[in-house]
């Protein structure tokens, strides 16, 4: 979940692509964090009610946010900075649902002895993803027009995850209905 770093390793090329100063590209990351803070209380509340619902919300927001970013970047000649910013904010709304999940998972599945290690291991996914984003995106963007291609690749990659979440959620829903009818899943 490192979409907020999509533009950071290619900031100068993204600034040229969107015809904005490089400081505006840096504001995209800041908008992401402001969105994160605004939704965090709701995310914690949802996580304590249902992990599945929290992940479905996150998957939906990430999917929509990435495709909004790409919608404003379909031409090699230049893109819509407004689309990039709005898409980033939508992605920022999704982050608390995912980043707060490791503590909830470890609380549900591990004993007091294993909880700290489990949380630490799960929390390492975020910096690992950030490192990968910092390494991979510059390979995709060798000139400003390639920003569109980078956003398309990221959007396609993140489009796979929601279907996995929704498939599992639907399977769980069907299984619970079968159980109510006293049929095996």
Protein backbone atom coordinates (compact mmCIF):
# COMPACT_ATOMS: atom_id res chain seq x y z
CA UNK A 1 0.00 0.00 0.00
CA UNK A 2 2.54 2.51 -1.04
CA UNK A 3 0.54 4.50 -3.54
CA UNK A 4 1.43 7.67 -1.65
CA UNK A 5 5.00 7.12 -2.81
CA UNK A 6 4.13 6.64 -6.47
CA UNK A 7 5.31 10.12 -7.42
CA UNK A 8 8.11 10.62 -4.86
CA UNK A 9 10.90 8.80 -6.74
CA UNK A 10 9.91 10.50 -10.01
CA UNK A 11 8.87 13.90 -8.62
CA UNK A 12 10.62 16.04 -11.24
CA UNK A 13 9.22 13.99 -14.13
CA UNK A 14 5.75 14.01 -12.56
CA UNK A 15 5.96 17.80 -12.11
CA UNK A 16 6.83 18.18 -15.79
CA UNK A 17 4.06 15.76 -16.78
CA UNK A 18 1.39 17.61 -14.77
CA UNK A 19 2.86 21.07 -15.56
CA UNK A 20 3.09 21.99 -11.88
CA UNK A 21 5.98 22.87 -9.58
CA UNK A 22 7.72 19.97 -7.87
CA UNK A 23 6.41 21.25 -4.52
CA UNK A 24 2.88 20.51 -5.77
CA UNK A 25 3.89 16.90 -6.37
CA UNK A 26 5.13 16.78 -2.77
CA UNK A 27 1.71 18.04 -1.63
CA UNK A 28 0.18 14.86 -3.02
CA UNK A 29 1.87 12.88 -0.24
CA UNK A 30 0.78 15.45 2.33
CA UNK A 31 -2.84 15.23 1.17
CA UNK A 32 -2.60 11.47 1.58
CA UNK A 33 -1.62 11.86 5.24
CA UNK A 34 -4.35 14.42 5.92
CA UNK A 35 -6.92 12.00 4.47
CA UNK A 36 -5.44 9.24 6.63
CA UNK A 37 -5.86 11.28 9.84
CA UNK A 38 -9.42 12.30 9.01
CA UNK A 39 -10.63 8.70 8.60
CA UNK A 40 -8.56 6.96 11.28
CA UNK A 41 -11.20 7.02 14.09
CA UNK A 42 -13.78 5.48 11.74
CA UNK A 43 -11.27 2.85 10.60
CA UNK A 44 -10.51 1.76 14.15
CA UNK A 45 -14.22 1.50 14.90
CA UNK A 46 -14.83 -0.62 11.76
CA UNK A 47 -11.79 -2.82 12.49
CA UNK A 48 -13.17 -3.64 15.93
CA UNK A 49 -16.50 -4.62 14.39
CA UNK A 50 -15.33 -6.62 11.37
CA UNK A 51 -11.96 -7.22 9.77
CA UNK A 52 -13.63 -8.35 6.54
CA UNK A 53 -15.64 -5.16 6.21
CA UNK A 54 -12.55 -3.06 6.94
CA UNK A 55 -10.58 -4.79 4.19
CA UNK A 56 -13.45 -4.55 1.73
CA UNK A 57 -13.73 -0.81 2.38
CA UNK A 58 -9.97 -0.40 1.96
CA UNK A 59 -9.89 -2.48 -1.21
CA UNK A 60 -12.74 -0.50 -2.73
CA UNK A 61 -11.17 2.88 -1.88
CA UNK A 62 -7.75 1.83 -3.17
CA UNK A 63 -9.27 0.53 -6.39
CA UNK A 64 -11.31 3.70 -6.99
CA UNK A 65 -8.47 6.05 -5.98
CA UNK A 66 -5.94 4.46 -8.31
CA UNK A 67 -8.27 4.50 -11.29
CA UNK A 68 -9.14 8.17 -10.58
CA UNK A 69 -5.40 8.93 -10.68
CA UNK A 70 -5.06 7.07 -13.95
CA UNK A 71 -8.20 8.71 -15.44
CA UNK A 72 -6.37 12.02 -15.27
CA UNK A 73 -3.23 10.56 -16.83
CA UNK A 74 -4.35 8.76 -19.96
CA UNK A 75 -2.29 10.93 -22.34
CA UNK A 76 1.49 10.94 -22.65
CA UNK A 77 1.48 14.70 -23.30
CA UNK A 78 0.27 15.66 -19.82
CA UNK A 79 -2.27 14.88 -17.16
CA UNK A 80 -4.75 16.38 -14.76
CA UNK A 81 -3.14 17.25 -11.46
CA UNK A 82 -6.61 17.48 -9.89
CA UNK A 83 -7.25 13.81 -10.71
CA UNK A 84 -3.91 12.86 -9.17
CA UNK A 85 -4.72 14.77 -5.99
CA UNK A 86 -8.31 13.49 -5.65
CA UNK A 87 -7.22 9.91 -6.33
CA UNK A 88 -4.48 10.21 -3.72
CA UNK A 89 -6.95 11.51 -1.14
CA UNK A 90 -9.30 8.59 -1.81
CA UNK A 91 -6.36 6.19 -1.40
CA UNK A 92 -5.45 8.02 1.81
CA UNK A 93 -8.94 7.29 3.14
CA UNK A 94 -8.20 3.56 2.69
CA UNK A 95 -4.88 3.43 4.50
CA UNK A 96 -6.08 3.45 8.14
CA UNK A 97 -8.21 0.38 7.46
CA UNK A 98 -5.07 -1.53 6.47
CA UNK A 99 -2.34 0.02 8.61
CA UNK A 100 -4.28 -0.39 11.86
CA UNK A 101 -5.11 -4.03 11.07
CA UNK A 102 -1.89 -5.70 12.34
CA UNK A 103 -2.62 -4.80 15.96
CA UNK A 104 -6.18 -6.05 15.62
CA UNK A 105 -5.07 -9.32 14.01
CA UNK A 106 -2.40 -9.95 16.60
CA UNK A 107 -4.89 -9.19 19.37
CA UNK A 108 -7.34 -11.76 17.98
CA UNK A 109 -4.94 -14.53 16.97
CA UNK A 110 -1.90 -14.44 19.23
CA UNK A 111 -1.16 -14.80 22.92
CA UNK A 112 0.49 -12.03 24.90
CA UNK A 113 3.90 -13.62 24.27
CA UNK A 114 3.53 -13.69 20.48
CA UNK A 115 1.56 -10.49 19.99
CA UNK A 116 4.52 -8.11 19.78
CA UNK A 117 6.43 -10.24 17.29
CA UNK A 118 3.33 -10.82 15.17
CA UNK A 119 2.54 -7.11 15.07
CA UNK A 120 6.13 -6.27 14.16
CA UNK A 121 6.26 -8.79 11.33
CA UNK A 122 2.90 -7.66 9.89
CA UNK A 123 3.86 -4.00 10.23
CA UNK A 124 7.02 -4.56 8.19
CA UNK A 125 4.87 -4.95 5.07
CA UNK A 126 4.40 -1.16 4.87
CA UNK A 127 8.09 -0.17 4.75
CA UNK A 128 8.84 -3.13 2.49
CA UNK A 129 6.17 -1.96 0.05
CA UNK A 130 7.51 1.59 0.27
CA UNK A 131 11.01 0.37 -0.57
CA UNK A 132 9.70 -1.60 -3.55
CA UNK A 133 7.77 1.44 -4.79
CA UNK A 134 10.87 3.58 -4.50
CA UNK A 135 12.84 1.03 -6.52
CA UNK A 136 10.32 -0.02 -9.18
CA UNK A 137 8.61 3.23 -10.19
CA UNK A 138 11.80 4.89 -11.51
CA UNK A 139 12.26 1.92 -13.86
CA UNK A 140 8.81 2.56 -15.29
CA UNK A 141 9.30 6.33 -15.70
CA UNK A 142 12.28 7.31 -17.83
CA UNK A 143 10.63 10.48 -19.21
CA UNK A 144 7.64 12.63 -18.11
CA UNK A 145 5.23 10.93 -20.53
CA UNK A 146 5.83 7.60 -18.79
CA UNK A 147 3.96 8.78 -15.67
CA UNK A 148 0.75 7.66 -17.39
CA UNK A 149 2.20 4.20 -17.95
CA UNK A 150 3.34 3.97 -14.30
CA UNK A 151 -0.13 4.88 -13.02
CA UNK A 152 -1.70 2.32 -15.34
CA UNK A 153 0.64 -0.43 -14.08
CA UNK A 154 -0.04 0.45 -10.43
CA UNK A 155 -3.80 0.55 -11.08
CA UNK A 156 -3.77 -2.86 -12.73
CA UNK A 157 -1.71 -4.37 -9.90
CA UNK A 158 -3.99 -3.02 -7.17
CA UNK A 159 -7.09 -4.08 -9.11
CA UNK A 160 -6.37 -7.72 -8.33
CA UNK A 161 -6.57 -7.40 -4.53
CA UNK A 162 -10.19 -6.24 -4.17
CA UNK A 163 -11.47 -9.27 -6.02
CA UNK A 164 -9.58 -11.55 -3.63
CA UNK A 165 -11.13 -9.72 -0.64
CA UNK A 166 -14.61 -9.70 -2.11
CA UNK A 167 -14.38 -13.36 -3.13
CA UNK A 168 -13.45 -14.35 0.43
CA UNK A 169 -16.20 -12.15 1.86
CA UNK A 170 -18.80 -13.69 -0.45
CA UNK A 171 -17.57 -17.19 0.40
CA UNK A 172 -17.90 -16.40 4.12
CA UNK A 173 -21.39 -14.98 3.59
CA UNK A 174 -22.52 -18.06 1.67
CA UNK A 175 -20.97 -20.35 4.25
CA UNK A 176 -22.76 -18.58 7.10
CA UNK A 177 -26.07 -18.89 5.24
CA UNK A 178 -25.42 -22.59 4.61
CA UNK A 179 -24.67 -23.04 8.31
CA UNK A 180 -27.95 -21.33 9.18
CA UNK A 181 -29.69 -23.88 6.98
CA UNK A 182 -27.67 -26.62 8.71
CA UNK A 183 -25.85 -27.56 5.53
CA UNK A 184 -22.08 -28.05 5.43
CA UNK A 185 -20.01 -25.38 3.60
